Amino acid sequence: MRLDYGLFEVQPLTPTIGATVQDVKLGDVDDTMAEAVHAAWMDWKVLFFRNQQITTDEQISFARHFGELEKHPFVVDGETPPEVLVLESTPEMPSSASAWHSDVTFAERPPMGSILRGRIIPPVGGDTLWANMVEAYDQLRDDLKAKIEGRAAVHDFLKAFGRNMSEERKAEALEEHPPQLHPIVRTHPETGEKALFVNSIFTSHIDGMDRAESDILLRQLRDRAKQPEFQCRFRWEPDSVAMWDNRCTQHYASPDFHPAHRRVERVTLTGDRPF
């Protein structure tokens, strides 16, 4: 894997996923620098940038080098620009994305990726982990690869966002965001790599398979993200930024920091329909 991208070098966190980018200021990125960042992003799947004293507008501007931005379909705070999703945990309202997942896979076109900035970081804990779902697929047994070849799974929002909805609101939301069929093995549209594309939050069952058999197989596939050899782990600091490819990774926010205050802000890139 490359370490030198001409305009900067990277320091890997693991051999196959995650690298810290050296000496790049996100507020000053031009098209040439963005091309180099994109190349490193495709290689390492998750990039990390330290000491980024950038404004919200600069975070948005950096993200736009890589595609169009989207708003989250359910989570809105009204305090920040619509492109910015605030993820906050306080002693009064603890919160954490403490399950392995890819973002918004219940959409017809799940996000391409996200750029997350640390604003308020606990003194200890609150790390985020990412899993390389290309490696998770590549290292599957041949019989499991054959079993999932050409199969699709159903993704919906109900488990994550439907629990506190009224029946009326749930019906409206299902009209706006109906369940989607996505391939269990997704082909990356830029690198051509194949990755497992099922997760514990949004994937409900395998299409056309007996439910009991589906549950067993899905559990096997979902649990691949939990294997340390496919993971990298990032220790946040204020003004650190993480940039991940949602098409071939999953992530998990460790909930070990409560009751400390944690606030991160995310900008998300529009994706395409998985194939």
C-alpha atoms as a PDB file:
ATOM      1  CA  MET A   1       0.000   0.000   0.000  1.00  0.00           C
ATOM      2  CA  ARG A   2       1.207   3.493  -0.825  1.00  0.00           C
ATOM      3  CA  LEU A   3       2.524   5.823   1.857  1.00  0.00           C
ATOM      4  CA  ASP A   4       3.642   8.742  -0.316  1.00  0.00           C
ATOM      5  CA  TYR A   5       1.021  10.647  -2.324  1.00  0.00           C
ATOM      6  CA  GLY A   6       3.298  13.370  -3.631  1.00  0.00           C
ATOM      7  CA  LEU A   7       1.785  16.278  -1.707  1.00  0.00           C
ATOM      8  CA  PHE A   8       1.746  14.427   1.607  1.00  0.00           C
ATOM      9  CA  GLU A   9       2.560  11.120   3.278  1.00  0.00           C
ATOM     10  CA  VAL A  10       0.339   8.905   5.399  1.00  0.00           C
ATOM     11  CA  GLN A  11       1.019   6.914   8.543  1.00  0.00           C
ATOM     12  CA  PRO A  12      -0.986   3.661   8.602  1.00  0.00           C
ATOM     13  CA  LEU A  13      -2.898   2.548  11.690  1.00  0.00           C
ATOM     14  CA  THR A  14      -3.051  -1.044  10.402  1.00  0.00           C
ATOM     15  CA  PRO A  15      -1.817  -2.827   7.250  1.00  0.00           C
ATOM     16  CA  THR A  16      -5.177  -2.663   5.435  1.00  0.00           C
ATOM     17  CA  ILE A  17      -7.412   0.090   6.894  1.00  0.00           C
ATOM     18  CA  GLY A  18      -6.911   3.527   8.371  1.00  0.00           C
ATOM     19  CA  ALA A  19      -4.126   6.057   7.875  1.00  0.00           C
ATOM     20  CA  THR A  20      -3.290   9.443   9.355  1.00  0.00           C
ATOM     21  CA  VAL A  21      -2.563  12.128   6.761  1.00  0.00           C
ATOM     22  CA  GLN A  22       0.449  14.279   7.576  1.00  0.00           C
ATOM     23  CA  ASP A  23       0.714  18.051   7.060  1.00  0.00           C
ATOM     24  CA  VAL A  24      -2.563  18.775   5.264  1.00  0.00           C
ATOM     25  CA  LYS A  25      -4.789  21.652   6.355  1.00  0.00           C
ATOM     26  CA  LEU A  26      -8.361  20.949   5.307  1.00  0.00           C
ATOM     27  CA  GLY A  27      -9.251  24.624   5.152  1.00  0.00           C
ATOM     28  CA  ASP A  28      -6.651  25.139   2.393  1.00  0.00           C
ATOM     29  CA  VAL A  29      -7.363  22.117   0.178  1.00  0.00           C
ATOM     30  CA  ASP A  30      -7.565  22.871  -3.561  1.00  0.00           C
ATOM     31  CA  ASP A  31      -8.542  20.545  -6.424  1.00  0.00           C
ATOM     32  CA  THR A  32      -5.010  19.154  -6.819  1.00  0.00           C
ATOM     33  CA  MET A  33      -4.713  18.346  -3.135  1.00  0.00           C
ATOM     34  CA  ALA A  34      -8.235  16.873  -3.152  1.00  0.00           C
ATOM     35  CA  GLU A  35      -7.208  14.447  -5.917  1.00  0.00           C
ATOM     36  CA  ALA A  36      -4.310  13.214  -3.787  1.00  0.00           C
ATOM     37  CA  VAL A  37      -6.551  12.906  -0.715  1.00  0.00           C
ATOM     38  CA  HIS A  38      -9.053  10.942  -2.803  1.00  0.00           C
ATOM     39  CA  ALA A  39      -6.326   8.519  -3.941  1.00  0.00           C
ATOM     40  CA  ALA A  40      -5.274   7.909  -0.333  1.00  0.00           C
ATOM     41  CA  TRP A  41      -8.923   7.548   0.703  1.00  0.00           C
ATOM     42  CA  MET A  42      -9.529   4.817  -1.868  1.00  0.00           C
ATOM     43  CA  ASP A  43      -6.385   2.976  -0.718  1.00  0.00           C
ATOM     44  CA  TRP A  44      -6.907   3.200   3.053  1.00  0.00           C
ATOM     45  CA  LYS A  45     -10.728   3.506   3.279  1.00  0.00           C
ATOM     46  CA  VAL A  46     -10.531   5.736   6.372  1.00  0.00           C
ATOM     47  CA  LEU A  47      -8.318   8.806   6.663  1.00  0.00           C
ATOM     48  CA  PHE A  48      -7.551  10.804   9.808  1.00  0.00           C
ATOM     49  CA  PHE A  49      -6.439  14.415  10.103  1.00  0.00           C
ATOM     50  CA  ARG A  50      -5.196  15.960  13.355  1.00  0.00           C
ATOM     51  CA  ASN A  51      -5.208  19.604  14.525  1.00  0.00           C
ATOM     52  CA  GLN A  52      -7.763  20.907  12.042  1.00  0.00           C
ATOM     53  CA  GLN A  53      -8.900  24.295  13.346  1.00  0.00           C
ATOM     54  CA  ILE A  54     -11.500  24.717  10.627  1.00  0.00           C
ATOM     55  CA  THR A  55     -14.889  26.386  10.529  1.00  0.00           C
ATOM     56  CA  THR A  56     -18.102  24.566   9.737  1.00  0.00           C
ATOM     57  CA  ASP A  57     -18.127  26.247   6.323  1.00  0.00           C
ATOM     58  CA  GLU A  58     -14.598  24.962   5.668  1.00  0.00           C
ATOM     59  CA  GLN A  59     -15.637  21.437   6.635  1.00  0.00           C
ATOM     60  CA  ILE A  60     -18.520  21.664   4.160  1.00  0.00           C
ATOM     61  CA  SER A  61     -16.264  23.136   1.471  1.00  0.00           C
ATOM     62  CA  PHE A  62     -13.703  20.346   1.925  1.00  0.00           C
ATOM     63  CA  ALA A  63     -16.415  17.702   1.634  1.00  0.00           C
ATOM     64  CA  ARG A  64     -17.738  19.187  -1.609  1.00  0.00           C
ATOM     65  CA  HIS A  65     -14.458  18.333  -3.328  1.00  0.00           C
ATOM     66  CA  PHE A  66     -15.617  14.700  -3.241  1.00  0.00           C
ATOM     67  CA  GLY A  67     -19.284  14.910  -4.179  1.00  0.00           C
ATOM     68  CA  GLU A  68     -22.703  16.300  -3.374  1.00  0.00           C
ATOM     69  CA  LEU A  69     -23.810  16.567   0.244  1.00  0.00           C
ATOM     70  CA  GLU A  70     -26.976  15.172   1.760  1.00  0.00           C
ATOM     71  CA  LYS A  71     -29.113  15.697   4.849  1.00  0.00           C
ATOM     72  CA  HIS A  72     -29.943  12.861   7.220  1.00  0.00           C
ATOM     73  CA  PRO A  73     -33.514  11.678   6.579  1.00  0.00           C
ATOM     74  CA  PHE A  74     -34.484  11.489  10.261  1.00  0.00           C
ATOM     75  CA  VAL A  75     -32.014  13.322  12.512  1.00  0.00           C
ATOM     76  CA  VAL A  76     -32.324  17.134  12.421  1.00  0.00           C
ATOM     77  CA  ASP A  77     -31.178  19.614  15.066  1.00  0.00           C
ATOM     78  CA  GLY A  78     -31.881  23.011  13.469  1.00  0.00           C
ATOM     79  CA  GLU A  79     -28.778  24.494  15.124  1.00  0.00           C
ATOM     80  CA  THR A  80     -26.290  23.911  12.305  1.00  0.00           C
ATOM     81  CA  PRO A  81     -26.471  24.130   8.500  1.00  0.00           C
ATOM     82  CA  PRO A  82     -28.678  21.341   7.101  1.00  0.00           C
ATOM     83  CA  GLU A  83     -25.649  19.516   5.683  1.00  0.00           C
ATOM     84  CA  VAL A  84     -24.164  19.103   9.184  1.00  0.00           C
ATOM     85  CA  LEU A  85     -25.365  16.333  11.493  1.00  0.00           C
ATOM     86  CA  VAL A  86     -24.566  16.887  15.178  1.00  0.00           C
ATOM     87  CA  LEU A  87     -23.949  13.704  17.186  1.00  0.00           C
ATOM     88  CA  GLU A  88     -23.847  14.601  20.860  1.00  0.00           C
ATOM     89  CA  SER A  89     -23.831  12.773  24.162  1.00  0.00           C
ATOM     90  CA  THR A  90     -24.237  14.555  27.503  1.00  0.00           C
ATOM     91  CA  PRO A  91     -24.686  13.328  31.086  1.00  0.00           C
ATOM     92  CA  GLU A  92     -28.398  14.122  30.759  1.00  0.00           C
ATOM     93  CA  MET A  93     -28.821  12.549  27.318  1.00  0.00           C
ATOM     94  CA  PRO A  94     -26.269   9.789  26.703  1.00  0.00           C
ATOM     95  CA  SER A  95     -26.005   8.606  23.121  1.00  0.00           C
ATOM     96  CA  SER A  96     -23.613   6.511  21.064  1.00  0.00           C
ATOM     97  CA  ALA A  97     -23.646   4.594  17.787  1.00  0.00           C
ATOM     98  CA  SER A  98     -22.508   1.514  19.676  1.00  0.00           C
ATOM     99  CA  ALA A  99     -23.382  -1.124  17.100  1.00  0.00           C
ATOM    100  CA  TRP A 100     -21.446  -2.013  13.968  1.00  0.00           C
ATOM    101  CA  HIS A 101     -23.076  -0.402  10.930  1.00  0.00           C
ATOM    102  CA  SER A 102     -22.753   1.464   7.664  1.00  0.00           C
ATOM    103  CA  ASP A 103     -24.756   4.681   7.553  1.00  0.00           C
ATOM    104  CA  VAL A 104     -28.278   4.936   6.113  1.00  0.00           C
ATOM    105  CA  THR A 105     -28.179   1.679   4.150  1.00  0.00           C
ATOM    106  CA  PHE A 106     -31.994   1.736   4.179  1.00  0.00           C
ATOM    107  CA  ALA A 107     -31.808   4.366   1.431  1.00  0.00           C
ATOM    108  CA  GLU A 108     -31.989   3.528  -2.262  1.00  0.00           C
ATOM    109  CA  ARG A 109     -28.621   5.269  -2.599  1.00  0.00           C
ATOM    110  CA  PRO A 110     -26.759   4.924   0.707  1.00  0.00           C
ATOM    111  CA  PRO A 111     -24.107   7.564   1.423  1.00  0.00           C
ATOM    112  CA  MET A 112     -20.736   7.399  -0.297  1.00  0.00           C
ATOM    113  CA  GLY A 113     -18.949   8.456   2.856  1.00  0.00           C
ATOM    114  CA  SER A 114     -18.707  10.972   5.651  1.00  0.00           C
ATOM    115  CA  ILE A 115     -16.340  13.541   7.134  1.00  0.00           C
ATOM    116  CA  LEU A 116     -16.611  13.696  10.928  1.00  0.00           C
ATOM    117  CA  ARG A 117     -15.032  16.397  13.080  1.00  0.00           C
ATOM    118  CA  GLY A 118     -14.383  16.092  16.806  1.00  0.00           C
ATOM    119  CA  ARG A 119     -15.573  19.192  18.685  1.00  0.00           C
ATOM    120  CA  ILE A 120     -15.935  18.162  22.353  1.00  0.00           C
ATOM    121  CA  ILE A 121     -14.001  15.009  23.241  1.00  0.00           C
ATOM    122  CA  PRO A 122     -14.012  13.075  26.542  1.00  0.00           C
ATOM    123  CA  PRO A 123     -10.698  13.014  28.422  1.00  0.00           C
ATOM    124  CA  VAL A 124     -10.769   9.202  28.237  1.00  0.00           C
ATOM    125  CA  GLY A 125     -12.763   6.875  25.968  1.00  0.00           C
ATOM    126  CA  GLY A 126     -15.112   7.612  23.104  1.00  0.00           C
ATOM    127  CA  ASP A 127     -12.905   6.055  20.418  1.00  0.00           C
ATOM    128  CA  THR A 128     -14.397   5.114  17.058  1.00  0.00           C
ATOM    129  CA  LEU A 129     -13.547   1.840  15.317  1.00  0.00           C
ATOM    130  CA  TRP A 130     -13.831   1.045  11.613  1.00  0.00           C
ATOM    131  CA  ALA A 131     -13.911  -2.372   9.944  1.00  0.00           C
ATOM    132  CA  ASN A 132     -12.666  -3.192   6.449  1.00  0.00           C
ATOM    133  CA  MET A 133     -15.542  -5.091   4.832  1.00  0.00           C
ATOM    134  CA  VAL A 134     -13.442  -5.897   1.763  1.00  0.00           C
ATOM    135  CA  GLU A 135     -11.072  -7.951   3.916  1.00  0.00           C
ATOM    136  CA  ALA A 136     -14.085  -9.367   5.772  1.00  0.00           C
ATOM    137  CA  TYR A 137     -15.405 -10.671   2.444  1.00  0.00           C
ATOM    138  CA  ASP A 138     -12.066 -11.736   0.972  1.00  0.00           C
ATOM    139  CA  GLN A 139     -11.316 -13.960   3.953  1.00  0.00           C
ATOM    140  CA  LEU A 140     -14.696 -15.711   3.984  1.00  0.00           C
ATOM    141  CA  ARG A 141     -14.678 -19.478   3.461  1.00  0.00           C
ATOM    142  CA  ASP A 142     -15.361 -20.486  -0.141  1.00  0.00           C
ATOM    143  CA  ASP A 143     -18.599 -22.248   0.787  1.00  0.00           C
ATOM    144  CA  LEU A 144     -19.964 -19.085   2.417  1.00  0.00           C
ATOM    145  CA  LYS A 145     -18.958 -17.012  -0.608  1.00  0.00           C
ATOM    146  CA  ALA A 146     -20.867 -19.450  -2.812  1.00  0.00           C
ATOM    147  CA  LYS A 147     -23.898 -19.331  -0.515  1.00  0.00           C
ATOM    148  CA  ILE A 148     -24.252 -15.539  -0.730  1.00  0.00           C
ATOM    149  CA  GLU A 149     -23.256 -15.149  -4.388  1.00  0.00           C
ATOM    150  CA  GLY A 150     -25.934 -13.138  -6.205  1.00  0.00           C
ATOM    151  CA  ARG A 151     -28.152 -12.826  -3.131  1.00  0.00           C
ATOM    152  CA  ALA A 152     -29.706  -9.623  -1.788  1.00  0.00           C
ATOM    153  CA  ALA A 153     -30.830  -8.527   1.670  1.00  0.00           C
ATOM    154  CA  VAL A 154     -33.538  -6.159   2.862  1.00  0.00           C
ATOM    155  CA  HIS A 155     -32.522  -2.932   4.605  1.00  0.00           C
ATOM    156  CA  ASP A 156     -34.989  -0.742   6.512  1.00  0.00           C
ATOM    157  CA  PHE A 157     -34.947   2.044   9.100  1.00  0.00           C
ATOM    158  CA  LEU A 158     -37.438   0.548  11.575  1.00  0.00           C
ATOM    159  CA  LYS A 159     -35.025  -0.971  14.103  1.00  0.00           C
ATOM    160  CA  ALA A 160     -32.998   2.225  14.443  1.00  0.00           C
ATOM    161  CA  PHE A 161     -35.553   4.994  13.963  1.00  0.00           C
ATOM    162  CA  GLY A 162     -39.014   3.416  14.046  1.00  0.00           C
ATOM    163  CA  ARG A 163     -39.249   2.401  17.694  1.00  0.00           C
ATOM    164  CA  ASN A 164     -40.395   5.789  19.004  1.00  0.00           C
ATOM    165  CA  MET A 165     -42.602   6.702  16.042  1.00  0.00           C
ATOM    166  CA  SER A 166     -46.369   6.736  16.198  1.00  0.00           C
ATOM    167  CA  GLU A 167     -48.068   4.310  13.817  1.00  0.00           C
ATOM    168  CA  GLU A 168     -49.140   7.247  11.681  1.00  0.00           C
ATOM    169  CA  ARG A 169     -45.633   8.688  11.475  1.00  0.00           C
ATOM    170  CA  LYS A 170     -44.198   5.222  10.807  1.00  0.00           C
ATOM    171  CA  ALA A 171     -46.578   4.752   7.871  1.00  0.00           C
ATOM    172  CA  GLU A 172     -45.568   8.159   6.466  1.00  0.00           C
ATOM    173  CA  ALA A 173     -41.873   7.376   6.901  1.00  0.00           C
ATOM    174  CA  LEU A 174     -42.241   3.987   5.191  1.00  0.00           C
ATOM    175  CA  GLU A 175     -43.920   5.759   2.284  1.00  0.00           C
ATOM    176  CA  GLU A 176     -40.945   8.129   2.018  1.00  0.00           C
ATOM    177  CA  HIS A 177     -38.282   5.499   2.777  1.00  0.00           C
ATOM    178  CA  PRO A 178     -39.521   2.038   1.780  1.00  0.00           C
ATOM    179  CA  PRO A 179     -37.323  -1.003   2.503  1.00  0.00           C
ATOM    180  CA  GLN A 180     -34.539  -1.510  -0.018  1.00  0.00           C
ATOM    181  CA  LEU A 181     -32.980  -4.619  -1.538  1.00  0.00           C
ATOM    182  CA  HIS A 182     -29.192  -4.376  -1.698  1.00  0.00           C
ATOM    183  CA  PRO A 183     -26.665  -7.037  -2.712  1.00  0.00           C
ATOM    184  CA  ILE A 184     -25.048  -8.868   0.192  1.00  0.00           C
ATOM    185  CA  VAL A 185     -21.735  -8.505  -1.633  1.00  0.00           C
ATOM    186  CA  ARG A 186     -21.340  -5.020  -3.018  1.00  0.00           C
ATOM    187  CA  THR A 187     -18.890  -4.026  -5.778  1.00  0.00           C
ATOM    188  CA  HIS A 188     -17.119  -0.746  -5.085  1.00  0.00           C
ATOM    189  CA  PRO A 189     -17.886   1.600  -8.005  1.00  0.00           C
ATOM    190  CA  GLU A 190     -14.389   3.149  -8.006  1.00  0.00           C
ATOM    191  CA  THR A 191     -11.963   0.419  -6.932  1.00  0.00           C
ATOM    192  CA  GLY A 192     -13.881  -2.651  -8.141  1.00  0.00           C
ATOM    193  CA  GLU A 193     -13.316  -4.371  -4.794  1.00  0.00           C
ATOM    194  CA  LYS A 194     -16.041  -6.596  -3.366  1.00  0.00           C
ATOM    195  CA  ALA A 195     -17.263  -5.960   0.176  1.00  0.00           C
ATOM    196  CA  LEU A 196     -19.827  -7.425   2.542  1.00  0.00           C
ATOM    197  CA  PHE A 197     -22.765  -5.014   2.676  1.00  0.00           C
ATOM    198  CA  VAL A 198     -24.950  -6.136   5.580  1.00  0.00           C
ATOM    199  CA  ASN A 199     -25.058  -4.608   9.059  1.00  0.00           C
ATOM    200  CA  SER A 200     -26.693  -5.118  12.435  1.00  0.00           C
ATOM    201  CA  ILE A 201     -28.770  -1.911  12.499  1.00  0.00           C
ATOM    202  CA  PHE A 202     -30.442  -1.752   9.098  1.00  0.00           C
ATOM    203  CA  THR A 203     -30.279  -5.230   7.487  1.00  0.00           C
ATOM    204  CA  SER A 204     -33.403  -7.179   8.487  1.00  0.00           C
ATOM    205  CA  HIS A 205     -33.261 -10.415   6.440  1.00  0.00           C
ATOM    206  CA  ILE A 206     -32.003 -12.115   3.300  1.00  0.00           C
ATOM    207  CA  ASP A 207     -34.450 -11.982   0.430  1.00  0.00           C
ATOM    208  CA  GLY A 208     -35.958 -15.325  -0.620  1.00  0.00           C
ATOM    209  CA  MET A 209     -34.460 -17.321   2.255  1.00  0.00           C
ATOM    210  CA  ASP A 210     -36.217 -19.063   5.126  1.00  0.00           C
ATOM    211  CA  ARG A 211     -36.223 -16.605   8.045  1.00  0.00           C
ATOM    212  CA  ALA A 212     -34.500 -18.940  10.509  1.00  0.00           C
ATOM    213  CA  GLU A 213     -31.760 -19.736   7.978  1.00  0.00           C
ATOM    214  CA  SER A 214     -31.509 -16.051   7.098  1.00  0.00           C
ATOM    215  CA  ASP A 215     -31.024 -15.085  10.756  1.00  0.00           C
ATOM    216  CA  ILE A 216     -28.203 -17.584  11.214  1.00  0.00           C
ATOM    217  CA  LEU A 217     -26.389 -16.573   8.033  1.00  0.00           C
ATOM    218  CA  LEU A 218     -26.816 -12.845   8.660  1.00  0.00           C
ATOM    219  CA  ARG A 219     -25.381 -13.226  12.147  1.00  0.00           C
ATOM    220  CA  GLN A 220     -22.298 -14.914  10.688  1.00  0.00           C
ATOM    221  CA  LEU A 221     -21.836 -12.154   8.136  1.00  0.00           C
ATOM    222  CA  ARG A 222     -22.512  -9.265  10.518  1.00  0.00           C
ATOM    223  CA  ASP A 223     -20.089 -10.652  13.065  1.00  0.00           C
ATOM    224  CA  ARG A 224     -17.236 -10.340  10.571  1.00  0.00           C
ATOM    225  CA  ALA A 225     -17.014  -6.635  11.456  1.00  0.00           C
ATOM    226  CA  LYS A 226     -16.259  -7.582  15.076  1.00  0.00           C
ATOM    227  CA  GLN A 227     -12.986  -9.339  14.212  1.00  0.00           C
ATOM    228  CA  PRO A 228      -9.992  -7.223  15.303  1.00  0.00           C
ATOM    229  CA  GLU A 229      -7.870  -8.184  12.288  1.00  0.00           C
ATOM    230  CA  PHE A 230     -10.276  -6.250  10.047  1.00  0.00           C
ATOM    231  CA  GLN A 231     -10.381  -3.145  12.258  1.00  0.00           C
ATOM    232  CA  CYS A 232      -8.638   0.100  13.052  1.00  0.00           C
ATOM    233  CA  ARG A 233      -9.295   2.230  16.149  1.00  0.00           C
ATOM    234  CA  PHE A 234      -9.065   6.021  16.375  1.00  0.00           C
ATOM    235  CA  ARG A 235      -8.443   8.009  19.543  1.00  0.00           C
ATOM    236  CA  TRP A 236     -10.202  11.330  19.139  1.00  0.00           C
ATOM    237  CA  GLU A 237      -8.795  14.730  20.055  1.00  0.00           C
ATOM    238  CA  PRO A 238     -10.528  18.109  19.641  1.00  0.00           C
ATOM    239  CA  ASP A 239     -10.310  19.217  15.987  1.00  0.00           C
ATOM    240  CA  SER A 240      -9.462  15.753  14.716  1.00  0.00           C
ATOM    241  CA  VAL A 241     -11.267  14.748  11.515  1.00  0.00           C
ATOM    242  CA  ALA A 242     -12.115  11.277  10.223  1.00  0.00           C
ATOM    243  CA  MET A 243     -13.107  10.630   6.606  1.00  0.00           C
ATOM    244  CA  TRP A 244     -14.497   7.192   5.774  1.00  0.00           C
ATOM    245  CA  ASP A 245     -15.821   5.301   2.775  1.00  0.00           C
ATOM    246  CA  ASN A 246     -19.306   4.093   3.700  1.00  0.00           C
ATOM    247  CA  ARG A 247     -19.390   1.686   0.754  1.00  0.00           C
ATOM    248  CA  CYS A 248     -16.754  -0.683   2.096  1.00  0.00           C
ATOM    249  CA  THR A 249     -16.477  -0.053   5.839  1.00  0.00           C
ATOM    250  CA  GLN A 250     -18.539  -0.264   8.990  1.00  0.00           C
ATOM    251  CA  HIS A 251     -17.984   1.733  12.165  1.00  0.00           C
ATOM    252  CA  TYR A 252     -18.680   1.576  15.885  1.00  0.00           C
ATOM    253  CA  ALA A 253     -18.534   4.365  18.475  1.00  0.00           C
ATOM    254  CA  SER A 254     -17.393   3.020  21.825  1.00  0.00           C
ATOM    255  CA  PRO A 255     -19.849   4.040  24.599  1.00  0.00           C
ATOM    256  CA  ASP A 256     -17.229   3.802  27.349  1.00  0.00           C
ATOM    257  CA  PHE A 257     -17.034   7.547  28.079  1.00  0.00           C
ATOM    258  CA  HIS A 258     -20.366   8.238  29.802  1.00  0.00           C
ATOM    259  CA  PRO A 259     -21.157  10.502  31.627  1.00  0.00           C
ATOM    260  CA  ALA A 260     -18.582  12.729  29.883  1.00  0.00           C
ATOM    261  CA  HIS A 261     -19.668  15.172  27.177  1.00  0.00           C
ATOM    262  CA  ARG A 262     -18.911  14.216  23.576  1.00  0.00           C
ATOM    263  CA  ARG A 263     -19.868  16.165  20.453  1.00  0.00           C
ATOM    264  CA  VAL A 264     -18.885  15.396  16.881  1.00  0.00           C
ATOM    265  CA  GLU A 265     -20.214  16.930  13.658  1.00  0.00           C
ATOM    266  CA  ARG A 266     -20.685  15.009  10.423  1.00  0.00           C
ATOM    267  CA  VAL A 267     -20.987  15.997   6.790  1.00  0.00           C
ATOM    268  CA  THR A 268     -22.193  13.210   4.498  1.00  0.00           C
ATOM    269  CA  LEU A 269     -21.638  12.594   0.784  1.00  0.00           C
ATOM    270  CA  THR A 270     -24.421  11.341  -1.487  1.00  0.00           C
ATOM    271  CA  GLY A 271     -23.822   7.848  -2.858  1.00  0.00           C
ATOM    272  CA  ASP A 272     -25.126   5.643  -5.636  1.00  0.00           C
ATOM    273  CA  ARG A 273     -27.239   2.500  -5.811  1.00  0.00           C
ATOM    274  CA  PRO A 274     -25.238  -0.573  -4.711  1.00  0.00           C
ATOM    275  CA  PHE A 275     -24.542  -3.277  -7.306  1.00  0.00           C
END
